[in-house]
């Protein structure tokens, strides 16, 4: 996949989602054509972290104020739809309520599968939300040489 590009209107949708979900983390996926700019879709996903925490607090010690979890069925539905349209997952996004935009250890854990990125070409957008207002973001991507996620330019 080439250069990562996202339209302002798509960022507006992500920021709106982050503000609406505050004080909980929001989460979602951006899909779009593999080549070229534009034509992307922002998929708002339900953060099921509170449900998981309530059902099994030992396995899921964090609630949705400090973690997110996209329902696997919802993820599969988005993947199937993207594949049918010859689109790919371009990015995952989530918010950090009352915190800076950074790629946490929990974020890294969610993005890796047996030590490798589950979606190596996908970027990860983290939105900082303070007092219910989205105030900034950072984009992270897999650095194959360093074998870690690093901040990327948009």
Protein backbone atom coordinates (compact mmCIF):
# COMPACT_ATOMS: atom_id res chain seq x y z
CA UNK A 1 0.00 0.00 0.00
CA UNK A 2 1.28 3.47 -0.85
CA UNK A 3 1.21 6.69 1.10
CA UNK A 4 -1.37 6.91 3.85
CA UNK A 5 -3.88 9.64 3.19
CA UNK A 6 -7.08 10.59 4.97
CA UNK A 7 -9.52 13.37 4.12
CA UNK A 8 -10.43 16.08 6.64
CA UNK A 9 -14.07 14.96 6.58
CA UNK A 10 -12.95 11.51 7.72
CA UNK A 11 -10.98 13.01 10.59
CA UNK A 12 -14.04 15.04 11.51
CA UNK A 13 -16.06 11.80 11.72
CA UNK A 14 -13.40 10.18 13.92
CA UNK A 15 -13.18 13.21 16.23
CA UNK A 16 -16.98 13.34 16.48
CA UNK A 17 -17.05 9.64 17.40
CA UNK A 18 -14.34 10.15 20.04
CA UNK A 19 -16.24 13.08 21.60
CA UNK A 20 -19.57 11.20 21.61
CA UNK A 21 -18.07 8.16 23.36
CA UNK A 22 -16.20 10.21 25.99
CA UNK A 23 -15.44 9.33 28.80
CA UNK A 24 -14.99 5.93 27.17
CA UNK A 25 -12.61 5.01 24.37
CA UNK A 26 -14.10 4.92 20.92
CA UNK A 27 -12.84 2.57 18.23
CA UNK A 28 -13.25 2.06 14.53
CA UNK A 29 -11.77 1.04 11.22
CA UNK A 30 -11.05 2.87 7.98
CA UNK A 31 -11.30 0.88 4.76
CA UNK A 32 -10.66 2.02 1.23
CA UNK A 33 -9.17 1.30 -2.16
CA UNK A 34 -5.65 -0.08 -2.02
CA UNK A 35 -4.37 2.43 -4.56
CA UNK A 36 -5.11 6.11 -4.79
CA UNK A 37 -6.60 8.68 -2.49
CA UNK A 38 -10.21 9.06 -1.47
CA UNK A 39 -13.11 6.65 -1.46
CA UNK A 40 -12.41 5.60 2.12
CA UNK A 41 -15.10 4.59 4.62
CA UNK A 42 -14.99 5.26 8.36
CA UNK A 43 -16.62 2.37 10.22
CA UNK A 44 -17.64 3.23 13.77
CA UNK A 45 -17.29 0.11 15.88
CA UNK A 46 -18.84 -0.67 19.24
CA UNK A 47 -16.34 -0.83 22.08
CA UNK A 48 -17.31 -4.02 23.91
CA UNK A 49 -14.62 -3.63 26.60
CA UNK A 50 -17.13 -2.80 29.37
CA UNK A 51 -19.10 -5.96 28.57
CA UNK A 52 -15.95 -8.10 28.56
CA UNK A 53 -14.78 -6.55 31.83
CA UNK A 54 -18.14 -7.21 33.48
CA UNK A 55 -18.24 -10.82 32.24
CA UNK A 56 -14.65 -11.67 33.17
CA UNK A 57 -12.73 -9.00 35.12
CA UNK A 58 -9.73 -11.28 35.62
CA UNK A 59 -9.20 -11.78 31.90
CA UNK A 60 -10.24 -8.20 31.04
CA UNK A 61 -9.15 -6.06 34.01
CA UNK A 62 -9.58 -2.74 32.18
CA UNK A 63 -12.89 -1.09 31.40
CA UNK A 64 -13.73 1.10 28.39
CA UNK A 65 -12.26 4.21 30.03
CA UNK A 66 -8.78 2.79 29.44
CA UNK A 67 -9.20 0.12 26.77
CA UNK A 68 -11.14 -0.86 23.70
CA UNK A 69 -12.13 -4.11 22.08
CA UNK A 70 -13.80 -4.41 18.69
CA UNK A 71 -16.35 -7.22 18.54
CA UNK A 72 -14.76 -9.97 16.40
CA UNK A 73 -18.06 -10.49 14.52
CA UNK A 74 -18.15 -6.79 13.63
CA UNK A 75 -14.52 -6.91 12.48
CA UNK A 76 -15.22 -9.94 10.27
CA UNK A 77 -18.24 -8.20 8.74
CA UNK A 78 -16.12 -5.15 7.88
CA UNK A 79 -13.33 -7.34 6.47
CA UNK A 80 -15.80 -9.25 4.29
CA UNK A 81 -17.40 -6.06 2.99
CA UNK A 82 -14.00 -4.52 2.23
CA UNK A 83 -12.84 -7.63 0.39
CA UNK A 84 -16.04 -7.68 -1.70
CA UNK A 85 -15.31 -4.08 -2.76
CA UNK A 86 -11.60 -4.79 -3.39
CA UNK A 87 -10.76 -2.52 -0.46
CA UNK A 88 -8.32 -3.03 2.36
CA UNK A 89 -8.08 -2.00 5.98
CA UNK A 90 -6.18 1.27 5.88
CA UNK A 91 -6.34 2.14 9.56
CA UNK A 92 -7.70 1.38 12.97
CA UNK A 93 -8.56 4.25 15.27
CA UNK A 94 -9.35 4.71 18.93
CA UNK A 95 -9.34 7.46 21.51
CA UNK A 96 -7.53 8.10 24.76
CA UNK A 97 -9.94 9.95 27.06
CA UNK A 98 -8.21 12.47 29.31
CA UNK A 99 -4.84 11.43 27.97
CA UNK A 100 -2.36 12.17 25.22
CA UNK A 101 -2.29 10.43 21.87
CA UNK A 102 0.37 7.72 22.12
CA UNK A 103 0.68 4.04 21.23
CA UNK A 104 0.40 2.28 24.57
CA UNK A 105 1.57 -1.21 25.49
CA UNK A 106 -2.11 -2.26 25.46
CA UNK A 107 -2.48 -0.82 21.94
CA UNK A 108 0.61 -2.71 20.82
CA UNK A 109 -0.69 -5.93 22.37
CA UNK A 110 -3.99 -5.59 20.48
CA UNK A 111 -2.22 -4.89 17.17
CA UNK A 112 0.15 -7.88 17.31
CA UNK A 113 -0.47 -11.53 16.58
CA UNK A 114 2.34 -13.83 17.72
CA UNK A 115 4.75 -10.87 17.78
CA UNK A 116 3.91 -9.65 14.27
CA UNK A 117 1.33 -7.05 13.23
CA UNK A 118 -2.04 -8.61 12.41
CA UNK A 119 -2.48 -5.95 9.68
CA UNK A 120 1.08 -4.83 8.76
CA UNK A 121 0.00 -2.19 6.23
CA UNK A 122 -2.68 -0.63 8.44
CA UNK A 123 -1.98 2.53 10.37
CA UNK A 124 -3.21 3.17 13.90
CA UNK A 125 -4.71 6.56 14.70
CA UNK A 126 -4.92 7.55 18.36
CA UNK A 127 -7.05 10.59 19.27
CA UNK A 128 -6.50 12.57 22.45
CA UNK A 129 -9.76 13.69 24.09
CA UNK A 130 -9.62 16.21 26.94
CA UNK A 131 -12.76 17.36 28.77
CA UNK A 132 -14.88 15.77 26.06
CA UNK A 133 -13.13 17.55 23.19
CA UNK A 134 -10.83 15.89 20.63
CA UNK A 135 -7.65 17.96 20.84
CA UNK A 136 -5.15 16.06 18.73
CA UNK A 137 -4.04 12.80 17.23
CA UNK A 138 -1.01 10.77 16.23
CA UNK A 139 -0.59 8.10 13.58
CA UNK A 140 1.47 4.96 14.11
CA UNK A 141 2.58 2.28 11.70
CA UNK A 142 4.70 -0.85 11.72
CA UNK A 143 8.42 -0.29 11.23
CA UNK A 144 9.67 -3.57 9.77
CA UNK A 145 13.33 -2.69 10.35
CA UNK A 146 12.84 -1.93 14.05
CA UNK A 147 10.10 -4.54 14.55
CA UNK A 148 7.93 -2.03 16.41
CA UNK A 149 5.25 0.58 15.90
CA UNK A 150 6.55 4.08 15.24
CA UNK A 151 4.92 7.46 14.79
CA UNK A 152 4.25 8.25 11.13
CA UNK A 153 3.59 11.40 9.18
CA UNK A 154 0.15 11.75 7.67
